[in-house]
């Protein structure tokens, strides 16, 4: 479970960064969409999915 916790921390950090960039107007529209898609298809997202959803 330690690997899953680290993956969640990394995903959370990336989401916080995206949130900050979005709030400042740096990332919008298509770029935001691409970044979210990248985040959801990342290795960390797969680790979390396999650990918490697929069981």
N, C-alpha and C. Protein backbone atom coordinates (compact mmCIF):
# COMPACT_ATOMS: atom_id res chain seq x y z
N UNK A 1 0.82 -1.21 0.00
CA UNK A 1 0.00 0.00 0.00
C UNK A 1 0.85 1.26 0.00
N UNK A 2 2.11 1.16 0.41
CA UNK A 2 2.99 2.33 0.45
C UNK A 2 3.17 2.92 -0.94
N UNK A 3 3.27 2.05 -1.96
CA UNK A 3 3.41 2.52 -3.33
C UNK A 3 2.19 3.29 -3.78
N UNK A 4 1.02 2.80 -3.36
CA UNK A 4 -0.23 3.47 -3.70
C UNK A 4 -0.30 4.84 -3.04
N UNK A 5 0.12 4.91 -1.80
CA UNK A 5 0.09 6.20 -1.08
C UNK A 5 1.00 7.22 -1.75
N UNK A 6 2.17 6.78 -2.19
CA UNK A 6 3.10 7.69 -2.88
C UNK A 6 2.51 8.14 -4.20
N UNK A 7 1.86 7.21 -4.92
CA UNK A 7 1.24 7.55 -6.19
C UNK A 7 0.14 8.58 -5.98
N UNK A 8 -0.65 8.41 -4.93
CA UNK A 8 -1.72 9.37 -4.61
C UNK A 8 -1.12 10.74 -4.29
N UNK A 9 -0.04 10.77 -3.55
CA UNK A 9 0.63 12.03 -3.22
C UNK A 9 1.11 12.73 -4.48
N UNK A 10 1.72 11.97 -5.40
CA UNK A 10 2.20 12.57 -6.64
C UNK A 10 1.05 13.09 -7.50
N UNK A 11 -0.03 12.30 -7.59
CA UNK A 11 -1.20 12.74 -8.35
C UNK A 11 -1.81 14.01 -7.74
N UNK A 12 -1.89 14.02 -6.44
CA UNK A 12 -2.44 15.18 -5.74
C UNK A 12 -1.59 16.42 -5.99
N UNK A 13 -0.28 16.24 -5.96
CA UNK A 13 0.62 17.36 -6.22
C UNK A 13 0.47 17.90 -7.63
N UNK A 14 0.35 16.99 -8.59
CA UNK A 14 0.16 17.41 -9.98
C UNK A 14 -1.17 18.13 -10.16
N UNK A 15 -2.23 17.63 -9.49
CA UNK A 15 -3.54 18.29 -9.57
C UNK A 15 -3.48 19.68 -8.95
N UNK A 16 -2.78 19.82 -7.84
CA UNK A 16 -2.64 21.12 -7.20
C UNK A 16 -1.91 22.10 -8.11
N UNK A 17 -0.88 21.61 -8.77
CA UNK A 17 -0.14 22.46 -9.70
C UNK A 17 -1.04 22.90 -10.85
N UNK A 18 -1.78 21.95 -11.43
CA UNK A 18 -2.71 22.30 -12.52
C UNK A 18 -3.76 23.30 -12.05
N UNK A 19 -4.27 23.09 -10.84
CA UNK A 19 -5.27 24.00 -10.28
C UNK A 19 -4.70 25.41 -10.17
N UNK A 20 -3.48 25.51 -9.67
CA UNK A 20 -2.86 26.83 -9.55
C UNK A 20 -2.64 27.49 -10.90
N UNK A 21 -2.20 26.72 -11.88
CA UNK A 21 -1.99 27.26 -13.22
C UNK A 21 -3.32 27.68 -13.86
N UNK A 22 -4.36 26.90 -13.62
CA UNK A 22 -5.68 27.23 -14.15
C UNK A 22 -6.21 28.51 -13.50
N UNK A 23 -6.08 28.62 -12.20
CA UNK A 23 -6.57 29.81 -11.49
C UNK A 23 -5.87 31.07 -11.94
N UNK A 24 -4.59 30.94 -12.33
CA UNK A 24 -3.83 32.11 -12.79
C UNK A 24 -4.02 32.36 -14.28
N UNK A 25 -4.79 31.50 -14.94
CA UNK A 25 -5.08 31.69 -16.35
C UNK A 25 -3.97 31.23 -17.28
N UNK A 26 -3.02 30.49 -16.76
CA UNK A 26 -1.89 30.03 -17.57
C UNK A 26 -2.28 28.80 -18.39
N UNK A 27 -3.09 27.93 -17.81
CA UNK A 27 -3.53 26.71 -18.49
C UNK A 27 -5.04 26.78 -18.63
N UNK A 28 -5.53 26.76 -19.87
CA UNK A 28 -6.96 26.79 -20.11
C UNK A 28 -7.30 25.92 -21.32
N UNK A 29 -8.56 25.70 -21.51
CA UNK A 29 -9.07 25.04 -22.71
C UNK A 29 -8.39 23.73 -23.07
N UNK A 30 -7.91 23.69 -24.32
CA UNK A 30 -7.31 22.48 -24.86
C UNK A 30 -6.10 22.01 -24.08
N UNK A 31 -5.27 22.94 -23.64
CA UNK A 31 -4.08 22.55 -22.88
C UNK A 31 -4.47 21.92 -21.54
N UNK A 32 -5.46 22.47 -20.87
CA UNK A 32 -5.92 21.90 -19.61
C UNK A 32 -6.47 20.49 -19.85
N UNK A 33 -7.23 20.34 -20.91
CA UNK A 33 -7.79 19.04 -21.26
C UNK A 33 -6.68 18.02 -21.50
N UNK A 34 -5.66 18.40 -22.23
CA UNK A 34 -4.53 17.50 -22.50
C UNK A 34 -3.79 17.13 -21.22
N UNK A 35 -3.61 18.09 -20.35
CA UNK A 35 -2.90 17.83 -19.10
C UNK A 35 -3.70 16.90 -18.20
N UNK A 36 -5.02 17.09 -18.13
CA UNK A 36 -5.86 16.21 -17.33
C UNK A 36 -5.86 14.79 -17.89
N UNK A 37 -5.94 14.69 -19.21
CA UNK A 37 -5.90 13.37 -19.85
C UNK A 37 -4.57 12.69 -19.56
N UNK A 38 -3.50 13.44 -19.63
CA UNK A 38 -2.17 12.90 -19.33
C UNK A 38 -2.10 12.42 -17.88
N UNK A 39 -2.65 13.20 -16.99
CA UNK A 39 -2.65 12.85 -15.57
C UNK A 39 -3.43 11.56 -15.33
N UNK A 40 -4.60 11.45 -15.95
CA UNK A 40 -5.45 10.28 -15.75
C UNK A 40 -4.91 9.01 -16.41
N UNK A 41 -4.02 9.17 -17.36
CA UNK A 41 -3.44 8.00 -18.02
C UNK A 41 -2.00 7.73 -17.57
N UNK A 42 -1.59 8.40 -16.52
CA UNK A 42 -0.22 8.26 -16.02
C UNK A 42 -0.02 6.94 -15.27
N UNK A 43 1.22 6.60 -15.07
CA UNK A 43 1.57 5.39 -14.32
C UNK A 43 1.00 5.45 -12.90
N UNK A 44 1.08 6.62 -12.28
CA UNK A 44 0.54 6.77 -10.92
C UNK A 44 -0.97 6.51 -10.89
N UNK A 45 -1.69 7.02 -11.89
CA UNK A 45 -3.14 6.80 -11.95
C UNK A 45 -3.45 5.31 -12.12
N UNK A 46 -2.65 4.61 -12.93
CA UNK A 46 -2.86 3.17 -13.11
C UNK A 46 -2.60 2.41 -11.81
N UNK A 47 -1.58 2.82 -11.08
CA UNK A 47 -1.27 2.19 -9.79
C UNK A 47 -2.45 2.34 -8.83
N UNK A 48 -2.97 3.55 -8.73
CA UNK A 48 -4.09 3.82 -7.83
C UNK A 48 -5.33 3.03 -8.27
N UNK A 49 -5.60 3.03 -9.56
CA UNK A 49 -6.77 2.31 -10.08
C UNK A 49 -6.66 0.82 -9.75
N UNK A 50 -5.52 0.23 -10.04
CA UNK A 50 -5.35 -1.20 -9.80
C UNK A 50 -5.45 -1.54 -8.32
N UNK A 51 -4.96 -0.67 -7.49
CA UNK A 51 -4.95 -0.93 -6.05
C UNK A 51 -6.31 -0.70 -5.39
N UNK A 52 -7.01 0.34 -5.81
CA UNK A 52 -8.25 0.72 -5.11
C UNK A 52 -9.53 0.38 -5.84
N UNK A 53 -9.46 0.20 -7.15
CA UNK A 53 -10.68 -0.05 -7.90
C UNK A 53 -10.79 -1.50 -8.35
N UNK A 54 -9.72 -2.01 -8.96
CA UNK A 54 -9.78 -3.38 -9.47
C UNK A 54 -9.79 -4.42 -8.37
N UNK A 55 -9.08 -4.13 -7.30
CA UNK A 55 -8.96 -5.07 -6.19
C UNK A 55 -8.85 -6.44 -6.73
